[in-house]
Amino acid sequence: MKLEIKPLGDALGAEVIGTDLTKPLDTDEAHAVDEAFLSHHLLCFRTEPLEPSDFVRVARYFGDPQLQLIRTQRHGETPEVSVLESTYKTPDDKPDDLESVRLAGWHTDDSYFEVPAKATMLQSIVIPNEGGQTKFCNMRKAYEDFPDERKPDLEGLKAVHGYDTTRAPGRPKIRTQEEIDETPDVEHPLVRTHEDTGRKSFYFNANRTDRIVGWARQESDALLDEVYTQITAPKYQYHHEWQVGDLLLWDNRCLVHSVNVDYPVGQKRLHQRILLKGQRPV
């Protein structure tokens, strides 16, 4: 079957049709997929759930896997793979205020590291009958549409990214002392340049971006709130309706994502994830 790249929406995303992930990509396929990834920022492959070892093999088509911070989420036999379950097992597990669920916050993976993951690969294993969509926003388009007269004011600004920030409504998973030692606060540019395309994008994480370096809290919050409003506008969004086995690959350098956490109690929601090594944002 001939390879086809089918856009999923105006804002971002494309489905890759005609690949067999149980076999290595040939040279032409790999080139087409790489081009599509840089153009659309998110790719969807429709397949069956992969064994963790096969999931790692597929990930290596696109980069080098790195280990998930939280040790308890690592797959025992294949530590490059994270096992992510977000099931509400009892009614008490599902809060009345769904915004307090950490997954609901708009975030880009690993920005609390000095060298964050460039991309995330996520595959659905079990999904609820309704809800549970993963939503994405295109921060590159949001930056390009930001008023040109304002862009010089953003040049050179850096923001502090931490494992947690009081700006986020939900609290993160508890870390061990070893994990705390591995995640001191870091500084990243508010506007980063994509190392593969040279295009600029906002780099913001509502769960982790705490403040603009050198600014008073009130002034910093005002700018970060403005950036948040800009990047999360509906015209920059794509919402993925999961099918079992869907494998998404997305670019953390220019996308943020969040989860629709309003799904039924007792219905399992399970994914496996691999993070791919990146470079320090500039």
Protein backbone atom coordinates (compact mmCIF):
# COMPACT_ATOMS: atom_id res chain seq x y z
CA MET A 1 0.00 0.00 0.00
CA LYS A 2 1.36 3.41 -0.96
CA LEU A 3 2.23 5.71 1.93
CA GLU A 4 -0.29 8.50 2.44
CA ILE A 5 -0.13 11.51 4.76
CA LYS A 6 -3.67 12.65 5.62
CA PRO A 7 -4.06 15.90 7.61
CA LEU A 8 -6.15 15.56 10.76
CA GLY A 9 -7.00 19.22 11.17
CA ASP A 10 -6.13 22.77 10.15
CA ALA A 11 -4.11 23.47 13.28
CA LEU A 12 -1.83 20.42 13.35
CA GLY A 13 -1.64 16.68 12.99
CA ALA A 14 -1.66 14.06 10.22
CA GLU A 15 -2.47 10.38 9.95
CA VAL A 16 0.15 8.15 8.35
CA ILE A 17 -1.56 5.53 6.20
CA GLY A 18 0.15 2.59 4.54
CA THR A 19 2.96 1.81 6.98
CA ASP A 20 3.53 -1.50 8.74
CA LEU A 21 5.15 -0.74 12.09
CA THR A 22 5.99 -4.40 12.61
CA LYS A 23 8.69 -3.91 9.97
CA PRO A 24 11.47 -1.28 9.64
CA LEU A 25 10.60 1.77 7.54
CA ASP A 26 12.37 1.83 4.19
CA THR A 27 14.37 4.90 3.16
CA ASP A 28 11.57 6.57 1.22
CA GLU A 29 9.03 5.93 3.97
CA ALA A 30 11.35 7.26 6.66
CA HIS A 31 12.00 10.45 4.68
CA ALA A 32 8.28 11.02 4.06
CA VAL A 33 7.42 10.45 7.72
CA ASP A 34 10.20 12.78 8.91
CA GLU A 35 8.98 15.52 6.56
CA ALA A 36 5.40 15.05 7.71
CA PHE A 37 6.43 15.22 11.36
CA LEU A 38 8.21 18.55 10.91
CA SER A 39 5.31 19.94 8.91
CA HIS A 40 2.36 18.69 10.97
CA HIS A 41 4.05 18.33 14.41
CA LEU A 42 1.89 15.31 15.29
CA LEU A 43 1.56 11.97 13.49
CA CYS A 44 -1.00 9.22 14.09
CA PHE A 45 -0.35 5.60 13.15
CA ARG A 46 -3.33 3.23 13.34
CA THR A 47 -2.11 -0.15 14.55
CA GLU A 48 -2.64 -2.83 17.17
CA PRO A 49 -1.18 -2.37 20.67
CA LEU A 50 2.52 -3.22 20.54
CA GLU A 51 4.52 -5.25 22.99
CA PRO A 52 6.83 -2.92 24.98
CA SER A 53 9.95 -4.22 23.20
CA ASP A 54 8.36 -3.55 19.80
CA PHE A 55 7.25 -0.12 21.01
CA VAL A 56 10.89 0.72 21.78
CA ARG A 57 11.98 -0.56 18.37
CA VAL A 58 9.47 1.72 16.64
CA ALA A 59 10.52 4.68 18.79
CA ARG A 60 14.11 4.26 17.63
CA TYR A 61 12.99 5.08 14.08
CA PHE A 62 12.50 8.63 15.33
CA GLY A 63 15.15 9.17 18.01
CA ASP A 64 16.79 7.88 21.15
CA PRO A 65 14.50 6.95 24.06
CA GLN A 66 15.12 8.48 27.47
CA LEU A 67 13.95 7.28 30.85
CA GLN A 68 10.83 8.62 32.53
CA LEU A 69 11.60 10.53 35.75
CA ILE A 70 9.10 8.73 38.02
CA ARG A 71 10.53 5.26 38.58
CA THR A 72 7.23 3.65 39.55
CA GLN A 73 5.83 4.33 36.06
CA ARG A 74 8.67 2.57 34.23
CA HIS A 75 7.88 -0.82 32.71
CA GLY A 76 9.76 -3.43 34.72
CA GLU A 77 11.34 -5.33 31.83
CA THR A 78 11.53 -2.41 29.37
CA PRO A 79 12.32 0.72 31.41
CA GLU A 80 12.31 3.04 28.39
CA VAL A 81 8.55 2.51 28.32
CA SER A 82 6.28 4.25 30.83
CA VAL A 83 2.97 2.63 31.79
CA LEU A 84 0.42 5.41 32.29
CA GLU A 85 -2.92 4.52 33.83
CA SER A 86 -5.40 7.29 34.57
CA THR A 87 -8.45 5.24 35.50
CA TYR A 88 -10.91 6.51 38.12
CA LYS A 89 -11.19 3.29 40.09
CA THR A 90 -13.71 4.60 42.62
CA PRO A 91 -16.08 7.61 42.68
CA ASP A 92 -13.77 9.30 45.20
CA ASP A 93 -10.94 9.20 42.64
CA LYS A 94 -12.80 11.57 40.31
CA PRO A 95 -12.84 15.08 41.81
CA ASP A 96 -15.69 17.52 41.38
CA ASP A 97 -13.19 20.09 40.11
CA LEU A 98 -11.73 18.36 37.04
CA GLU A 99 -9.28 21.22 36.50
CA SER A 100 -7.46 19.97 39.60
CA VAL A 101 -6.53 16.79 37.70
CA ARG A 102 -2.95 17.33 36.58
CA LEU A 103 -3.50 15.79 33.13
CA ALA A 104 -6.03 18.51 32.36
CA GLY A 105 -3.38 21.25 32.39
CA TRP A 106 -1.84 22.32 29.07
CA HIS A 107 1.72 21.04 29.16
CA THR A 108 4.71 19.94 27.16
CA ASP A 109 6.53 16.88 28.45
CA ASP A 110 9.72 17.14 30.48
CA SER A 111 10.20 20.92 30.41
CA TYR A 112 11.40 20.76 34.02
CA PHE A 113 14.63 19.20 32.70
CA GLU A 114 17.55 21.27 31.42
CA VAL A 115 17.39 19.13 28.26
CA PRO A 116 13.70 18.25 27.73
CA ALA A 117 12.39 15.47 25.52
CA LYS A 118 12.01 16.60 21.91
CA ALA A 119 9.09 14.27 21.21
CA THR A 120 6.62 11.93 22.87
CA MET A 121 5.28 8.65 21.52
CA LEU A 122 2.04 7.52 23.15
CA GLN A 123 -0.06 4.45 22.34
CA SER A 124 -3.51 3.62 23.67
CA ILE A 125 -3.95 0.17 25.18
CA VAL A 126 -7.37 0.48 26.85
CA ILE A 127 -9.71 3.48 26.50
CA PRO A 128 -13.00 4.49 28.13
CA ASN A 129 -16.25 4.49 26.15
CA GLU A 130 -16.42 8.29 26.26
CA GLY A 131 -14.17 11.20 27.15
CA GLY A 132 -10.43 10.83 27.57
CA GLN A 133 -9.48 12.68 24.40
CA THR A 134 -5.99 14.18 24.23
CA LYS A 135 -6.04 17.79 23.05
CA PHE A 136 -3.13 19.60 21.40
CA CYS A 137 -2.26 23.25 20.68
CA ASN A 138 0.16 24.55 18.07
CA MET A 139 2.47 27.04 19.82
CA ARG A 140 4.34 27.77 16.57
CA LYS A 141 1.25 29.09 14.83
CA ALA A 142 0.25 30.93 17.99
CA TYR A 143 3.61 32.71 18.05
CA GLU A 144 3.55 33.51 14.34
CA ASP A 145 0.11 35.11 14.77
CA PHE A 146 1.19 37.11 17.83
CA PRO A 147 1.32 40.85 17.00
CA ASP A 148 4.61 41.63 15.24
CA GLU A 149 5.05 44.83 17.23
CA ARG A 150 5.02 42.79 20.45
CA LYS A 151 7.53 40.13 19.39
CA PRO A 152 10.66 42.21 20.08
CA ASP A 153 9.50 42.54 23.70
CA LEU A 154 9.70 38.74 24.05
CA GLU A 155 13.21 38.34 22.64
CA GLY A 156 15.69 37.19 25.25
CA LEU A 157 13.10 36.52 27.94
CA LYS A 158 13.62 33.38 29.97
CA ALA A 159 11.15 31.60 32.19
CA VAL A 160 11.66 29.33 35.17
CA HIS A 161 10.31 25.82 34.72
CA GLY A 162 9.91 23.69 37.83
CA TYR A 163 8.46 20.32 38.64
CA ASP A 164 5.58 22.27 40.15
CA THR A 165 4.31 25.83 40.22
CA THR A 166 1.61 27.58 42.23
CA ARG A 167 0.22 28.76 38.89
CA ALA A 168 -0.97 25.21 38.13
CA PRO A 169 -4.36 24.22 39.60
CA GLY A 170 -3.38 20.55 40.01
CA ARG A 171 -0.51 19.01 41.95
CA PRO A 172 1.99 16.59 40.36
CA LYS A 173 2.99 13.10 41.41
CA ILE A 174 5.11 12.90 44.55
CA ARG A 175 8.84 12.42 43.90
CA THR A 176 11.39 10.41 45.81
CA GLN A 177 14.44 12.26 47.12
CA GLU A 178 16.44 10.88 44.19
CA GLU A 179 13.90 12.27 41.75
CA ILE A 180 13.84 15.63 43.55
CA ASP A 181 17.62 15.84 43.26
CA GLU A 182 17.34 15.23 39.51
CA THR A 183 14.85 18.05 38.94
CA PRO A 184 16.05 21.43 40.18
CA ASP A 185 14.36 24.46 38.63
CA VAL A 186 15.65 25.33 35.16
CA GLU A 187 15.43 28.33 32.82
CA HIS A 188 14.23 28.12 29.23
CA PRO A 189 13.55 30.79 26.61
CA LEU A 190 9.94 31.93 26.41
CA VAL A 191 10.32 31.83 22.64
CA ARG A 192 12.46 28.97 21.35
CA THR A 193 13.88 28.24 17.91
CA HIS A 194 13.17 24.77 16.56
CA GLU A 195 16.55 23.18 15.86
CA ASP A 196 15.30 21.20 12.86
CA THR A 197 13.24 23.87 11.09
CA GLY A 198 14.60 27.19 12.38
CA ARG A 199 11.06 28.38 13.07
CA LYS A 200 10.17 30.16 16.30
CA SER A 201 7.54 29.08 18.79
CA PHE A 202 6.31 29.89 22.24
CA TYR A 203 7.71 27.46 24.79
CA PHE A 204 5.29 27.40 27.70
CA ASN A 205 3.98 24.77 30.09
CA ALA A 206 1.00 25.68 32.26
CA ASN A 207 1.92 22.89 34.72
CA ARG A 208 5.59 23.86 35.02
CA THR A 209 6.29 27.46 33.85
CA ASP A 210 6.45 29.50 37.04
CA ARG A 211 7.73 32.99 36.24
CA ILE A 212 9.71 35.24 33.92
CA VAL A 213 13.30 35.56 35.10
CA GLY A 214 13.94 38.96 36.70
CA TRP A 215 10.33 40.10 36.67
CA ALA A 216 8.02 40.83 39.60
CA ARG A 217 5.37 38.16 40.14
CA GLN A 218 2.42 40.34 39.11
CA GLU A 219 4.11 41.49 35.89
CA SER A 220 5.28 37.95 35.12
CA ASP A 221 1.84 36.43 35.70
CA ALA A 222 0.24 38.97 33.37
CA LEU A 223 2.55 38.04 30.49
CA LEU A 224 2.31 34.29 31.09
CA ASP A 225 -1.48 34.56 31.26
CA GLU A 226 -1.41 36.38 27.92
CA VAL A 227 0.76 33.67 26.37
CA TYR A 228 -1.57 30.99 27.75
CA THR A 229 -4.60 32.71 26.22
CA GLN A 230 -2.81 33.07 22.90
CA ILE A 231 -1.62 29.47 22.52
CA THR A 232 -4.87 27.82 23.68
CA ALA A 233 -7.19 29.63 21.28
CA PRO A 234 -9.51 27.10 19.57
CA LYS A 235 -8.05 27.78 16.12
CA TYR A 236 -4.71 26.31 17.25
CA GLN A 237 -6.24 23.12 18.67
CA TYR A 238 -6.67 19.53 17.54
CA HIS A 239 -8.54 16.99 19.72
CA HIS A 240 -7.63 13.35 19.22
CA GLU A 241 -10.40 10.78 19.61
CA TRP A 242 -8.53 7.64 20.61
CA GLN A 243 -9.00 4.24 19.06
CA VAL A 244 -7.36 1.23 20.71
CA GLY A 245 -3.84 0.89 19.31
CA ASP A 246 -3.52 4.47 18.06
CA LEU A 247 0.12 5.50 18.24
CA LEU A 248 0.76 9.25 18.36
CA LEU A 249 4.14 10.90 17.88
CA TRP A 250 4.24 14.60 18.68
CA ASP A 251 6.76 17.42 18.88
CA ASN A 252 7.18 18.81 22.39
CA ARG A 253 9.21 21.71 21.02
CA CYS A 254 6.14 23.43 19.57
CA LEU A 255 3.05 21.67 20.97
CA VAL A 256 1.28 21.55 24.31
CA HIS A 257 -1.31 18.94 25.20
CA SER A 258 -3.95 18.20 27.82
CA VAL A 259 -6.47 15.45 28.52
CA ASN A 260 -10.23 15.62 28.70
CA VAL A 261 -10.42 14.00 32.13
CA ASP A 262 -14.22 13.75 32.18
CA TYR A 263 -14.68 10.01 31.56
CA PRO A 264 -16.64 7.37 33.48
CA VAL A 265 -15.56 5.96 36.82
CA GLY A 266 -14.44 2.34 36.57
CA GLN A 267 -13.65 2.44 32.84
CA LYS A 268 -9.96 1.78 32.33
CA ARG A 269 -7.73 4.33 30.57
CA LEU A 270 -4.27 2.92 29.89
CA HIS A 271 -1.45 4.07 27.61
CA GLN A 272 2.22 3.30 27.09
CA ARG A 273 4.68 6.12 26.45
CA ILE A 274 8.23 6.73 25.32
CA LEU A 275 10.06 10.05 25.48
CA LEU A 276 12.71 10.87 22.86
CA LYS A 277 15.87 12.75 23.74
CA GLY A 278 16.12 16.37 22.64
CA GLN A 279 18.47 19.34 22.86
CA ARG A 280 18.57 22.27 25.24
CA PRO A 281 16.05 24.92 24.10
CA VAL A 282 17.52 28.07 22.54
